[in-house]
Protein backbone atom coordinates (compact mmCIF):
# COMPACT_ATOMS: atom_id res chain seq x y z
CA MET A 1 135.00 89.61 137.24
CA ALA A 2 137.30 86.60 137.32
CA ALA A 3 137.44 84.48 134.19
CA SER A 4 136.28 81.39 136.09
CA ASP A 5 133.19 83.25 137.32
CA SER A 6 132.43 84.52 133.83
CA GLU A 7 132.65 81.06 132.33
CA SER A 8 130.31 79.49 134.90
CA ILE A 9 127.56 82.13 134.77
CA ARG A 10 125.30 81.86 131.73
CA ALA A 11 122.47 83.80 133.41
CA SER A 12 122.14 85.76 136.63
CA ALA A 13 120.12 82.90 138.13
CA ASP A 14 123.30 80.77 138.00
CA ALA A 15 125.04 83.13 140.42
CA ASP A 16 125.23 82.39 144.14
CA PRO A 17 123.05 85.17 145.64
CA LEU A 18 124.95 85.25 148.94
CA HIS A 19 128.28 85.59 147.15
CA MET A 20 126.94 88.29 144.85
CA LEU A 21 125.38 90.14 147.76
CA ARG A 22 128.71 90.21 149.57
CA ARG A 23 130.49 91.44 146.44
CA ALA A 24 127.95 94.21 145.92
CA ARG A 25 128.22 95.37 149.50
CA GLY A 26 132.02 95.16 149.61
CA GLY A 27 132.43 96.78 146.21
CA GLY A 28 130.32 99.82 147.08
CA LEU A 29 127.76 99.04 144.36
CA PHE A 30 124.82 99.96 146.54
CA ASP A 31 126.37 103.33 147.34
CA SER A 32 126.90 103.95 143.63
CA LEU A 33 123.30 102.94 142.91
CA VAL A 34 121.95 105.30 145.56
CA ARG A 35 124.00 108.16 144.10
CA ILE A 36 122.31 107.57 140.74
CA TYR A 37 118.90 107.48 142.41
CA ASP A 38 119.64 110.71 144.26
CA GLU A 39 120.14 112.57 140.97
CA PHE A 40 116.46 112.27 140.10
CA PRO A 41 114.39 115.47 140.41
CA ASP A 42 112.04 115.83 143.36
CA THR A 43 108.53 115.13 142.05
CA THR A 44 104.92 114.83 143.19
CA CYS A 45 101.92 112.89 141.88
CA GLU A 46 98.37 111.98 142.93
CA ASN A 47 99.47 108.82 144.75
CA CYS A 48 96.89 106.75 142.88
CA ALA A 49 99.25 103.72 142.75
CA ARG A 50 98.20 102.93 139.17
CA CYS A 51 101.89 102.70 138.31
CA CYS A 52 102.21 99.83 140.83
CA PHE A 53 100.01 97.47 138.84
CA GLU A 54 102.80 94.89 138.61
CA SER A 55 106.37 94.34 139.75
CA PRO A 56 108.70 96.23 137.39
CA GLY A 57 111.75 94.96 135.57
CA ILE A 58 114.93 95.53 137.57
CA PHE A 59 118.66 95.40 137.04
CA PHE A 60 120.62 92.68 138.83
CA VAL A 61 122.26 95.16 141.21
CA GLU A 62 118.77 96.41 142.11
CA TYR A 63 117.72 92.81 142.74
CA LEU A 64 120.66 92.43 145.13
CA TYR A 65 119.73 95.74 146.77
CA LEU A 66 116.24 94.36 147.44
CA LEU A 67 117.64 91.04 148.67
CA ASP A 68 119.71 93.09 151.10
CA LEU A 69 116.44 94.58 152.37
CA LEU A 70 114.69 91.20 152.56
CA ALA A 71 117.61 89.76 154.55
CA GLY A 72 116.85 92.20 157.35
CA LEU A 73 113.19 91.23 157.67
CA SER A 74 111.73 88.61 159.95
CA ALA A 75 111.43 85.12 158.48
CA ALA A 76 107.63 85.39 158.46
CA ARG A 77 107.63 88.74 156.66
CA ARG A 78 110.20 87.54 154.14
CA GLU A 79 108.14 84.41 153.46
CA GLU A 80 105.03 86.53 152.91
CA LEU A 81 106.74 88.68 150.28
CA LEU A 82 108.41 85.73 148.54
CA ARG A 83 105.07 83.92 148.33
CA ARG A 84 103.61 87.00 146.64
CA ALA A 85 106.53 86.95 144.21
CA LEU A 86 105.90 83.32 143.32
CA ARG A 87 102.22 84.03 142.79
CA GLU A 88 102.95 86.87 140.39
CA LEU A 89 105.58 84.84 138.55
CA LEU A 90 103.32 81.85 137.97
CA PHE A 91 99.77 83.23 137.81
CA SER A 92 99.95 86.83 136.54
CA TRP A 93 98.60 85.79 133.13
CA ILE A 94 95.19 84.93 134.60
CA GLU A 95 95.00 87.58 137.34
CA PRO A 96 94.20 91.03 135.93
CA ASP A 97 93.57 92.55 139.38
CA ARG A 98 97.05 92.24 140.79
CA SER A 99 99.68 94.71 141.95
CA CYS A 100 103.37 94.97 142.70
CA VAL A 101 104.69 92.59 145.34
CA PHE A 102 105.68 95.59 147.46
CA LEU A 103 102.39 97.51 147.31
CA GLU A 104 100.31 97.44 150.49
CA SER A 105 97.22 99.61 151.06
CA SER A 106 98.20 101.79 148.06
CA ARG A 107 101.60 102.38 149.67
CA CYS A 108 105.04 101.28 148.47
CA ILE A 109 106.75 99.51 151.35
CA ILE A 110 110.20 99.82 149.71
CA TYR A 111 109.84 103.40 148.52
CA GLU A 112 113.35 104.44 149.51
CA ARG A 113 114.77 101.45 147.61
CA ARG A 114 112.32 101.46 144.69
CA PRO A 115 114.10 100.52 141.45
CA LEU A 116 114.95 102.63 138.43
CA ALA A 117 111.80 101.68 136.50
CA CYS A 118 109.65 103.13 139.29
CA ARG A 119 111.69 106.32 139.46
CA LEU A 120 111.43 106.80 135.70
CA PHE A 121 107.66 106.39 135.69
CA GLY A 122 106.08 109.61 134.50
CA LEU A 123 109.43 111.09 133.48
CA VAL A 124 109.55 109.58 129.98
CA PRO A 125 108.72 111.89 127.01
CA ARG A 126 105.26 111.27 125.54
CA GLY A 127 106.52 109.83 122.24
CA GLU A 128 108.69 107.26 124.00
CA ARG A 129 105.86 106.41 126.38
CA ASP A 130 103.30 105.78 123.63
CA ARG A 131 105.75 103.64 121.67
CA ALA A 132 106.71 101.61 124.73
CA GLU A 133 103.08 101.03 125.70
CA ALA A 134 102.20 99.83 122.21
CA GLU A 135 105.17 97.46 122.25
CA ALA A 136 104.18 96.16 125.69
CA ARG A 137 100.64 95.39 124.60
CA LEU A 138 101.82 93.71 121.42
CA ALA A 139 104.18 91.52 123.44
CA ALA A 140 101.36 90.69 125.86
CA ARG A 141 99.08 89.75 122.95
CA ARG A 142 101.70 87.44 121.50
CA GLU A 143 102.33 85.74 124.84
CA ALA A 144 98.58 85.29 125.35
CA GLN A 145 98.39 83.60 121.94
CA ARG A 146 101.33 81.35 122.82
CA LEU A 147 99.76 80.32 126.11
CA GLY A 148 96.51 79.66 124.27
CA LEU A 149 98.27 76.96 122.26
CA PHE A 150 98.80 75.13 125.56
CA GLY A 151 95.18 75.46 126.65
CA VAL A 152 95.57 78.57 128.83
CA LYS A 153 92.93 81.26 128.29
CA VAL A 154 94.38 84.68 129.10
CA PRO A 155 91.72 87.28 130.02
CA GLU A 156 91.58 90.28 127.71
CA ALA A 157 91.93 92.53 130.76
CA VAL A 158 95.42 91.09 131.33
CA VAL A 159 96.51 91.80 127.76
CA ARG A 160 95.27 95.39 127.88
CA ARG A 161 96.56 96.36 131.31
CA SER A 162 100.00 97.56 130.14
CA LEU A 163 100.90 100.97 131.54
CA VAL A 164 104.37 102.39 131.00
CA SER A 165 104.03 106.01 132.07
CA CYS A 166 101.76 108.68 133.51
CA GLU A 167 101.07 112.37 132.81
CA ARG A 168 100.33 113.23 136.43
CA VAL A 169 103.94 113.42 137.64
CA ARG A 170 105.14 117.00 138.21
CA ASP A 171 108.05 118.79 139.81
CA ARG A 172 107.49 120.85 142.96
CA ARG A 173 106.43 123.82 140.84
CA GLY A 174 103.77 121.78 139.04
CA ARG A 175 105.68 121.44 135.77
CA PRO A 176 106.14 118.25 133.71
CA VAL A 177 109.56 116.63 134.05
CA ALA A 178 111.56 114.53 131.61
CA VAL A 179 114.89 112.75 131.99
CA ASP A 180 117.14 110.71 129.72
CA GLY A 181 116.10 107.26 130.89
CA ASP A 182 118.38 105.42 128.47
CA ALA A 183 121.48 107.21 129.73
CA ILE A 184 120.57 106.53 133.36
CA ALA A 185 119.84 102.87 132.62
CA ALA A 186 123.23 102.51 130.95
CA ARG A 187 124.91 103.72 134.12
CA VAL A 188 123.06 101.17 136.25
CA ALA A 189 123.95 98.46 133.73
CA LYS A 190 127.61 99.27 134.34
CA LEU A 191 127.09 98.36 137.99
CA ASP A 192 125.68 95.00 136.89
CA ALA A 193 128.84 94.49 134.82
CA ALA A 194 130.89 94.63 138.01
CA VAL A 195 129.41 91.30 139.15
CA LEU A 196 128.06 89.65 135.98
CA PRO A 197 129.61 88.75 132.61
CA ARG A 198 128.93 91.30 129.89
CA HIS A 199 126.85 88.89 127.81
CA VAL A 200 124.49 88.34 130.76
CA VAL A 201 124.16 92.08 131.38
CA VAL A 202 123.30 92.68 127.72
CA ALA A 203 120.84 89.78 127.54
CA GLU A 204 118.98 90.53 130.76
CA PHE A 205 119.43 94.30 131.16
CA CYS A 206 116.40 95.38 133.25
CA PHE A 207 113.93 93.02 131.59
CA ARG A 208 113.37 90.70 134.57
CA SER A 209 111.19 91.58 137.53
CA LEU A 210 111.91 90.61 141.11
CA PRO A 211 109.41 87.69 140.91
CA GLU A 212 111.21 86.44 137.79
CA ARG A 213 114.66 86.75 139.34
CA VAL A 214 113.49 85.07 142.57
CA GLY A 215 111.70 82.31 140.69
CA PHE A 216 114.53 81.61 138.27
CA ALA A 217 117.02 81.42 141.14
CA ALA A 218 114.87 79.18 143.33
CA LEU A 219 113.15 76.98 140.72
CA GLY A 220 115.50 77.07 137.73
CA GLY A 221 114.92 79.29 134.71
CA GLU A 222 114.38 76.43 132.27
CA ALA A 223 111.69 74.86 134.46
CA VAL A 224 109.64 77.98 135.16
CA ASP A 225 107.81 78.23 131.82
CA ALA A 226 106.70 74.59 131.81
CA MET A 227 105.72 74.85 135.47
CA ARG A 228 103.76 78.05 134.82
CA ILE A 229 101.76 76.51 131.98
CA GLN A 230 100.84 73.43 134.01
CA LEU A 231 99.83 75.50 137.03
CA LEU A 232 97.77 77.95 134.94
CA ARG A 233 95.87 75.04 133.43
CA ARG A 234 95.24 73.57 136.86
CA ALA A 235 94.00 76.93 138.16
CA GLN A 236 91.63 77.34 135.25
CA ALA A 237 90.40 73.77 135.81
CA GLY A 238 89.23 74.75 139.28
CA GLU A 239 92.12 74.42 141.73
CA THR A 240 92.66 77.50 143.88
CA ILE A 241 95.68 79.64 143.22
CA GLU A 242 96.39 79.78 146.94
CA ALA A 243 96.62 75.98 147.12
CA LEU A 244 98.87 75.82 144.06
CA VAL A 245 101.20 78.49 145.44
CA GLU A 246 101.45 76.41 148.61
CA VAL A 247 102.47 73.37 146.55
CA VAL A 248 105.24 75.30 144.79
CA TRP A 249 106.39 76.89 148.04
CA ARG A 250 106.58 73.54 149.80
CA GLU A 251 108.35 71.76 146.96
CA SER A 252 110.85 74.59 146.53
CA ARG A 253 111.52 74.48 150.27
CA GLY A 254 110.29 77.99 150.75
CA ALA A 255 112.13 79.47 147.77
CA PRO A 256 115.14 80.31 149.98
CA VAL A 257 116.60 83.04 147.78
CA LEU A 258 119.21 84.04 150.33
CA GLY A 259 121.14 80.78 150.01
CA ALA A 260 119.20 79.21 147.15
CA SER A 261 122.43 78.00 145.56
CA GLN A 262 123.00 75.64 148.47
CA ARG A 263 119.69 73.88 147.82
CA ARG A 264 119.39 74.40 144.10
CA GLY A 265 119.90 70.74 143.29
CA SER A 266 116.70 69.91 145.15
CA THR A 267 114.62 72.76 143.74
CA ARG A 268 115.24 72.63 140.02
CA GLY A 269 112.92 69.73 139.38
CA ARG A 270 109.27 70.06 138.41
CA ARG A 271 107.71 68.44 141.41
CA GLY A 272 105.81 71.63 142.12
CA THR A 273 103.66 70.94 139.06
CA ASP A 274 102.71 67.41 140.08
CA LYS A 275 99.39 66.60 141.69
CA SER A 276 99.69 66.43 145.45
């Protein structure tokens, strides 16, 4: 990465998505990512879709890989998926019965491009799984308490819905499978380092979901938390979530992720939280 690029990017949301997409394609990053994916063992499960209860955290190169997919969809289909992403980003803390943006009729519509977190599901040793689930629920409890200070009541079902693994995943012979998830994640992080400064890769790793990356890029990372709190309060006061998503969509000019940098000056305000 050029020094000028490194100095200007404090977070991945600062990066021009079109420019980054071209760099990833031209640099063979998607091919390298697919090679890592292809190393995973062939597995089976009960296809219950419980693991798809929310959009998983993804690396930046995986985000670009999904943007590459979205770019090939019709405008209407892309808008539908991006609206779902905005809804999850802004209202997930009051919607316990939600699912991943890409889950339709208990089927993953991006299965061939599903990110690392999805591929690792069910392949993490039990001890790591239990520890991760406890940490996830503790983090959810703390965030619920923080939101409560701003007048947002988070349902207990949201706090307790964390699920980080599954015991139903088996290889083709019916045996449990385990892989070194940390080692694989480190390899994907190296791909991120080809387009992002090291400090951004370390800070973000795979902690941001597609809705978060889309929202931060389209709305501005610093504005999202304040916007979320205001919208959650409005929803709990009686306004419909559908109407509020429409407000945000309209004010962000459709959250145009593929070219958001060209309109970012007009989308980083907080007009989406104002009464309309």
